[in-house]
């Protein structure tokens, strides 16, 4: 199993546990610099946003290499 797959499996396990324990509104154990703890909902939405942003960067790099554009 690759390192990435291990991290995905661990993340899925942690999210599943958090959903059972407190749902999407459960607050994180750690706080942000302002002292607030984000909810699981906020964390998951932020991760989707970050993933989409980096996929967009990868598309731009690929397009600059081969000239093909995505859909």
PDB file of N, CA and C in Angstrom:
ATOM      1  N   UNK A   1       0.857  -1.174   0.000  1.00  0.00           N
ATOM      2  CA  UNK A   1       0.000   0.000   0.000  1.00  0.00           C
ATOM      3  C   UNK A   1       0.906   1.241   0.000  1.00  0.00           C
ATOM      4  N   UNK A   2       0.564   2.199  -0.820  1.00  0.00           N
ATOM      5  CA  UNK A   2       1.363   3.423  -0.901  1.00  0.00           C
ATOM      6  C   UNK A   2       1.107   4.316   0.315  1.00  0.00           C
ATOM      7  N   UNK A   3       2.014   5.231   0.524  1.00  0.00           N
ATOM      8  CA  UNK A   3       1.871   6.176   1.628  1.00  0.00           C
ATOM      9  C   UNK A   3       0.574   6.970   1.495  1.00  0.00           C
ATOM     10  N   UNK A   4       0.256   7.396   0.267  1.00  0.00           N
ATOM     11  CA  UNK A   4      -0.978   8.155   0.026  1.00  0.00           C
ATOM     12  C   UNK A   4      -2.199   7.321   0.408  1.00  0.00           C
ATOM     13  N   UNK A   5      -2.209   6.042   0.004  1.00  0.00           N
ATOM     14  CA  UNK A   5      -3.338   5.168   0.327  1.00  0.00           C
ATOM     15  C   UNK A   5      -3.476   4.977   1.840  1.00  0.00           C
ATOM     16  N   UNK A   6      -2.342   4.899   2.528  1.00  0.00           N
ATOM     17  CA  UNK A   6      -2.381   4.777   3.987  1.00  0.00           C
ATOM     18  C   UNK A   6      -3.006   6.019   4.619  1.00  0.00           C
ATOM     19  N   UNK A   7      -2.628   7.199   4.120  1.00  0.00           N
ATOM     20  CA  UNK A   7      -3.199   8.437   4.647  1.00  0.00           C
ATOM     21  C   UNK A   7      -4.690   8.528   4.353  1.00  0.00           C
ATOM     22  N   UNK A   8      -5.114   8.107   3.181  1.00  0.00           N
ATOM     23  CA  UNK A   8      -6.537   8.121   2.828  1.00  0.00           C
ATOM     24  C   UNK A   8      -7.313   7.188   3.761  1.00  0.00           C
ATOM     25  N   UNK A   9      -6.790   5.987   3.972  1.00  0.00           N
ATOM     26  CA  UNK A   9      -7.463   5.029   4.853  1.00  0.00           C
ATOM     27  C   UNK A   9      -7.563   5.580   6.276  1.00  0.00           C
ATOM     28  N   UNK A  10      -6.486   6.184   6.758  1.00  0.00           N
ATOM     29  CA  UNK A  10      -6.488   6.760   8.112  1.00  0.00           C
ATOM     30  C   UNK A  10      -7.495   7.910   8.210  1.00  0.00           C
ATOM     31  N   UNK A  11      -7.521   8.766   7.201  1.00  0.00           N
ATOM     32  CA  UNK A  11      -8.460   9.892   7.193  1.00  0.00           C
ATOM     33  C   UNK A  11      -9.899   9.406   7.187  1.00  0.00           C
ATOM     34  N   UNK A  12     -10.182   8.411   6.373  1.00  0.00           N
ATOM     35  CA  UNK A  12     -11.548   7.870   6.324  1.00  0.00           C
ATOM     36  C   UNK A  12     -11.959   7.297   7.668  1.00  0.00           C
ATOM     37  N   UNK A  13     -11.033   6.616   8.312  1.00  0.00           N
ATOM     38  CA  UNK A  13     -11.318   6.043   9.621  1.00  0.00           C
ATOM     39  C   UNK A  13     -11.610   7.139  10.646  1.00  0.00           C
ATOM     40  N   UNK A  14     -10.795   8.183  10.653  1.00  0.00           N
ATOM     41  CA  UNK A  14     -10.995   9.288  11.598  1.00  0.00           C
ATOM     42  C   UNK A  14     -12.311  10.017  11.351  1.00  0.00           C
ATOM     43  N   UNK A  15     -12.649  10.236  10.091  1.00  0.00           N
ATOM     44  CA  UNK A  15     -13.914  10.909   9.770  1.00  0.00           C
ATOM     45  C   UNK A  15     -15.091  10.039  10.195  1.00  0.00           C
ATOM     46  N   UNK A  16     -15.015   8.744   9.937  1.00  0.00           N
ATOM     47  CA  UNK A  16     -16.094   7.835  10.344  1.00  0.00           C
ATOM     48  C   UNK A  16     -16.295   7.870  11.854  1.00  0.00           C
ATOM     49  N   UNK A  17     -15.194   7.829  12.605  1.00  0.00           N
ATOM     50  CA  UNK A  17     -15.284   7.896  14.067  1.00  0.00           C
ATOM     51  C   UNK A  17     -15.911   9.211  14.516  1.00  0.00           C
ATOM     52  N   UNK A  18     -15.487  10.304  13.918  1.00  0.00           N
ATOM     53  CA  UNK A  18     -16.008  11.623  14.297  1.00  0.00           C
ATOM     54  C   UNK A  18     -17.495  11.735  13.988  1.00  0.00           C
ATOM     55  N   UNK A  19     -17.924  11.167  12.870  1.00  0.00           N
ATOM     56  CA  UNK A  19     -19.344  11.219  12.513  1.00  0.00           C
ATOM     57  C   UNK A  19     -20.189  10.462  13.526  1.00  0.00           C
ATOM     58  N   UNK A  20     -19.685   9.324  13.996  1.00  0.00           N
ATOM     59  CA  UNK A  20     -20.411   8.545  14.998  1.00  0.00           C
ATOM     60  C   UNK A  20     -20.430   9.286  16.334  1.00  0.00           C
ATOM     61  N   UNK A  21     -19.298   9.876  16.694  1.00  0.00           N
ATOM     62  CA  UNK A  21     -19.166  10.527  18.002  1.00  0.00           C
ATOM     63  C   UNK A  21     -19.920  11.844  18.117  1.00  0.00           C
ATOM     64  N   UNK A  22     -19.944  12.644  17.044  1.00  0.00           N
ATOM     65  CA  UNK A  22     -20.559  13.956  17.201  1.00  0.00           C
ATOM     66  C   UNK A  22     -21.120  14.567  15.941  1.00  0.00           C
ATOM     67  N   UNK A  23     -21.035  13.873  14.836  1.00  0.00           N
ATOM     68  CA  UNK A  23     -21.583  14.392  13.591  1.00  0.00           C
ATOM     69  C   UNK A  23     -20.734  15.502  12.995  1.00  0.00           C
ATOM     70  N   UNK A  24     -21.288  16.145  11.994  1.00  0.00           N
ATOM     71  CA  UNK A  24     -20.554  17.171  11.252  1.00  0.00           C
ATOM     72  C   UNK A  24     -20.295  18.431  12.063  1.00  0.00           C
ATOM     73  N   UNK A  25     -21.061  18.642  13.117  1.00  0.00           N
ATOM     74  CA  UNK A  25     -20.867  19.850  13.925  1.00  0.00           C
ATOM     75  C   UNK A  25     -19.856  19.653  15.054  1.00  0.00           C
ATOM     76  N   UNK A  26     -19.319  18.436  15.179  1.00  0.00           N
ATOM     77  CA  UNK A  26     -18.304  18.190  16.209  1.00  0.00           C
ATOM     78  C   UNK A  26     -17.106  19.091  15.964  1.00  0.00           C
ATOM     79  N   UNK A  27     -16.585  19.661  17.042  1.00  0.00           N
ATOM     80  CA  UNK A  27     -15.449  20.569  16.927  1.00  0.00           C
ATOM     81  C   UNK A  27     -14.132  19.806  17.015  1.00  0.00           C
ATOM     82  N   UNK A  28     -13.136  20.336  16.326  1.00  0.00           N
ATOM     83  CA  UNK A  28     -11.801  19.743  16.338  1.00  0.00           C
ATOM     84  C   UNK A  28     -11.186  19.866  17.727  1.00  0.00           C
ATOM     85  N   UNK A  29     -10.234  18.993  18.023  1.00  0.00           N
ATOM     86  CA  UNK A  29      -9.534  19.056  19.307  1.00  0.00           C
ATOM     87  C   UNK A  29      -8.564  20.225  19.361  1.00  0.00           C
ATOM     88  N   UNK A  30      -8.037  20.586  18.209  1.00  0.00           N
ATOM     89  CA  UNK A  30      -7.069  21.686  18.146  1.00  0.00           C
ATOM     90  C   UNK A  30      -7.757  22.945  17.639  1.00  0.00           C
ATOM     91  N   UNK A  31      -7.235  24.070  18.066  1.00  0.00           N
ATOM     92  CA  UNK A  31      -7.811  25.346  17.653  1.00  0.00           C
ATOM     93  C   UNK A  31      -6.958  25.997  16.570  1.00  0.00           C
ATOM     94  N   UNK A  32      -7.565  26.940  15.880  1.00  0.00           N
ATOM     95  CA  UNK A  32      -6.820  27.723  14.892  1.00  0.00           C
ATOM     96  C   UNK A  32      -6.104  28.859  15.635  1.00  0.00           C
ATOM     97  N   UNK A  33      -5.316  29.669  14.927  1.00  0.00           N
ATOM     98  CA  UNK A  33      -4.563  30.738  15.604  1.00  0.00           C
ATOM     99  C   UNK A  33      -5.430  31.726  16.400  1.00  0.00           C
ATOM    100  N   UNK A  34      -6.698  31.860  16.027  1.00  0.00           N
ATOM    101  CA  UNK A  34      -7.579  32.782  16.759  1.00  0.00           C
ATOM    102  C   UNK A  34      -8.162  32.146  18.022  1.00  0.00           C
ATOM    103  N   UNK A  35      -7.883  30.852  18.230  1.00  0.00           N
ATOM    104  CA  UNK A  35      -8.385  30.163  19.412  1.00  0.00           C
ATOM    105  C   UNK A  35      -9.692  29.428  19.198  1.00  0.00           C
ATOM    106  N   UNK A  36     -10.223  29.472  17.982  1.00  0.00           N
ATOM    107  CA  UNK A  36     -11.480  28.786  17.681  1.00  0.00           C
ATOM    108  C   UNK A  36     -11.207  27.396  17.113  1.00  0.00           C
ATOM    109  N   UNK A  37     -12.099  26.472  17.411  1.00  0.00           N
ATOM    110  CA  UNK A  37     -11.995  25.110  16.890  1.00  0.00           C
ATOM    111  C   UNK A  37     -12.968  24.957  15.722  1.00  0.00           C
ATOM    112  N   UNK A  38     -12.478  24.570  14.554  1.00  0.00           N
ATOM    113  CA  UNK A  38     -13.376  24.389  13.414  1.00  0.00           C
ATOM    114  C   UNK A  38     -14.209  23.116  13.570  1.00  0.00           C
ATOM    115  N   UNK A  39     -15.368  23.107  12.937  1.00  0.00           N
ATOM    116  CA  UNK A  39     -16.213  21.909  12.953  1.00  0.00           C
ATOM    117  C   UNK A  39     -15.717  20.918  11.902  1.00  0.00           C
ATOM    118  N   UNK A  40     -16.144  19.680  12.049  1.00  0.00           N
ATOM    119  CA  UNK A  40     -15.800  18.662  11.056  1.00  0.00           C
ATOM    120  C   UNK A  40     -16.337  19.074   9.688  1.00  0.00           C
ATOM    121  N   UNK A  41     -17.524  19.678   9.661  1.00  0.00           N
ATOM    122  CA  UNK A  41     -18.100  20.152   8.397  1.00  0.00           C
ATOM    123  C   UNK A  41     -17.157  21.152   7.717  1.00  0.00           C
ATOM    124  N   UNK A  42     -16.653  22.120   8.494  1.00  0.00           N
ATOM    125  CA  UNK A  42     -15.751  23.132   7.938  1.00  0.00           C
ATOM    126  C   UNK A  42     -14.473  22.474   7.425  1.00  0.00           C
ATOM    127  N   UNK A  43     -13.916  21.550   8.199  1.00  0.00           N
ATOM    128  CA  UNK A  43     -12.672  20.877   7.803  1.00  0.00           C
ATOM    129  C   UNK A  43     -12.865  20.134   6.487  1.00  0.00           C
ATOM    130  N   UNK A  44     -13.948  19.371   6.369  1.00  0.00           N
ATOM    131  CA  UNK A  44     -14.183  18.591   5.144  1.00  0.00           C
ATOM    132  C   UNK A  44     -14.410  19.501   3.941  1.00  0.00           C
ATOM    133  N   UNK A  45     -15.188  20.563   4.119  1.00  0.00           N
ATOM    134  CA  UNK A  45     -15.409  21.506   3.007  1.00  0.00           C
ATOM    135  C   UNK A  45     -14.105  22.169   2.593  1.00  0.00           C
ATOM    136  N   UNK A  46     -13.284  22.532   3.565  1.00  0.00           N
ATOM    137  CA  UNK A  46     -11.994  23.156   3.272  1.00  0.00           C
ATOM    138  C   UNK A  46     -11.079  22.186   2.514  1.00  0.00           C
ATOM    139  N   UNK A  47     -11.089  20.914   2.906  1.00  0.00           N
ATOM    140  CA  UNK A  47     -10.252  19.921   2.219  1.00  0.00           C
ATOM    141  C   UNK A  47     -10.703  19.727   0.769  1.00  0.00           C
ATOM    142  N   UNK A  48     -12.011  19.718   0.530  1.00  0.00           N
ATOM    143  CA  UNK A  48     -12.522  19.611  -0.844  1.00  0.00           C
ATOM    144  C   UNK A  48     -12.074  20.817  -1.659  1.00  0.00           C
ATOM    145  N   UNK A  49     -12.177  22.002  -1.064  1.00  0.00           N
ATOM    146  CA  UNK A  49     -11.758  23.232  -1.741  1.00  0.00           C
ATOM    147  C   UNK A  49     -10.270  23.193  -2.085  1.00  0.00           C
ATOM    148  N   UNK A  50      -9.443  22.776  -1.139  1.00  0.00           N
ATOM    149  CA  UNK A  50      -7.997  22.699  -1.378  1.00  0.00           C
ATOM    150  C   UNK A  50      -7.663  21.672  -2.457  1.00  0.00           C
ATOM    151  N   UNK A  51      -8.321  20.525  -2.400  1.00  0.00           N
ATOM    152  CA  UNK A  51      -8.086  19.473  -3.394  1.00  0.00           C
ATOM    153  C   UNK A  51      -8.440  19.991  -4.786  1.00  0.00           C
ATOM    154  N   UNK A  52      -9.574  20.664  -4.907  1.00  0.00           N
ATOM    155  CA  UNK A  52     -10.004  21.211  -6.204  1.00  0.00           C
ATOM    156  C   UNK A  52      -9.015  22.256  -6.706  1.00  0.00           C
ATOM    157  N   UNK A  53      -8.523  23.087  -5.810  1.00  0.00           N
ATOM    158  CA  UNK A  53      -7.566  24.125  -6.199  1.00  0.00           C
ATOM    159  C   UNK A  53      -6.288  23.493  -6.757  1.00  0.00           C
ATOM    160  N   UNK A  54      -5.785  22.478  -6.085  1.00  0.00           N
ATOM    161  CA  UNK A  54      -4.545  21.848  -6.542  1.00  0.00           C
ATOM    162  C   UNK A  54      -4.757  21.038  -7.816  1.00  0.00           C
ATOM    163  N   UNK A  55      -5.937  20.466  -7.985  1.00  0.00           N
ATOM    164  CA  UNK A  55      -6.238  19.792  -9.255  1.00  0.00           C
ATOM    165  C   UNK A  55      -6.229  20.798 -10.393  1.00  0.00           C
ATOM    166  N   UNK A  56      -6.735  21.990 -10.139  1.00  0.00           N
ATOM    167  CA  UNK A  56      -6.706  23.049 -11.149  1.00  0.00           C
ATOM    168  C   UNK A  56      -5.288  23.432 -11.511  1.00  0.00           C
ATOM    169  N   UNK A  57      -4.409  23.487 -10.512  1.00  0.00           N
ATOM    170  CA  UNK A  57      -3.002  23.792 -10.782  1.00  0.00           C
ATOM    171  C   UNK A  57      -2.386  22.704 -11.651  1.00  0.00           C
ATOM    172  N   UNK A  58      -2.698  21.453 -11.352  1.00  0.00           N
ATOM    173  CA  UNK A  58      -2.155  20.342 -12.140  1.00  0.00           C
ATOM    174  C   UNK A  58      -2.651  20.415 -13.581  1.00  0.00           C
ATOM    175  N   UNK A  59      -3.908  20.800 -13.778  1.00  0.00           N
ATOM    176  CA  UNK A  59      -4.441  20.956 -15.138  1.00  0.00           C
ATOM    177  C   UNK A  59      -3.675  22.018 -15.907  1.00  0.00           C
ATOM    178  N   UNK A  60      -3.364  23.134 -15.246  1.00  0.00           N
ATOM    179  CA  UNK A  60      -2.613  24.204 -15.910  1.00  0.00           C
ATOM    180  C   UNK A  60      -1.217  23.737 -16.307  1.00  0.00           C
ATOM    181  N   UNK A  61      -0.569  22.982 -15.439  1.00  0.00           N
ATOM    182  CA  UNK A  61       0.763  22.454 -15.765  1.00  0.00           C
ATOM    183  C   UNK A  61       0.695  21.490 -16.948  1.00  0.00           C
ATOM    184  N   UNK A  62      -0.280  20.580 -16.909  1.00  0.00           N
ATOM    185  CA  UNK A  62      -0.421  19.620 -17.997  1.00  0.00           C
ATOM    186  C   UNK A  62      -0.704  20.336 -19.303  1.00  0.00           C
ATOM    187  N   UNK A  63      -1.590  21.325 -19.266  1.00  0.00           N
ATOM    188  CA  UNK A  63      -1.940  22.068 -20.470  1.00  0.00           C
ATOM    189  C   UNK A  63      -0.714  22.784 -21.044  1.00  0.00           C
ATOM    190  N   UNK A  64       0.143  23.308 -20.183  1.00  0.00           N
ATOM    191  CA  UNK A  64       1.339  24.000 -20.675  1.00  0.00           C
ATOM    192  C   UNK A  64       2.329  23.029 -21.306  1.00  0.00           C
ATOM    193  N   UNK A  65       2.262  21.757 -20.923  1.00  0.00           N
ATOM    194  CA  UNK A  65       3.169  20.749 -21.480  1.00  0.00           C
ATOM    195  C   UNK A  65       2.662  20.225 -22.814  1.00  0.00           C
ATOM    196  N   UNK A  66       1.382  19.847 -22.870  1.00  0.00           N
ATOM    197  CA  UNK A  66       0.891  19.189 -24.088  1.00  0.00           C
ATOM    198  C   UNK A  66      -0.105  20.014 -24.904  1.00  0.00           C
ATOM    199  N   UNK A  67      -0.549  21.153 -24.383  1.00  0.00           N
ATOM    200  CA  UNK A  67      -1.440  22.022 -25.142  1.00  0.00           C
ATOM    201  C   UNK A  67      -2.901  21.626 -25.123  1.00  0.00           C
ATOM    202  N   UNK A  68      -3.216  20.481 -24.536  1.00  0.00           N
ATOM    203  CA  UNK A  68      -4.612  20.040 -24.487  1.00  0.00           C
ATOM    204  C   UNK A  68      -5.316  20.672 -23.295  1.00  0.00           C
ATOM    205  N   UNK A  69      -6.570  21.049 -23.499  1.00  0.00           N
ATOM    206  CA  UNK A  69      -7.369  21.607 -22.415  1.00  0.00           C
ATOM    207  C   UNK A  69      -8.399  20.588 -21.969  1.00  0.00           C
ATOM    208  N   UNK A  70      -8.776  20.676 -20.706  1.00  0.00           N
ATOM    209  CA  UNK A  70      -9.798  19.778 -20.172  1.00  0.00           C
ATOM    210  C   UNK A  70     -11.183  20.264 -20.525  1.00  0.00           C
ATOM    211  N   UNK A  71     -12.159  19.505 -20.072  1.00  0.00           N
ATOM    212  CA  UNK A  71     -13.551  19.862 -20.348  1.00  0.00           C
ATOM    213  C   UNK A  71     -14.007  20.991 -19.477  1.00  0.00           C
TER     214      UNK A  71
END
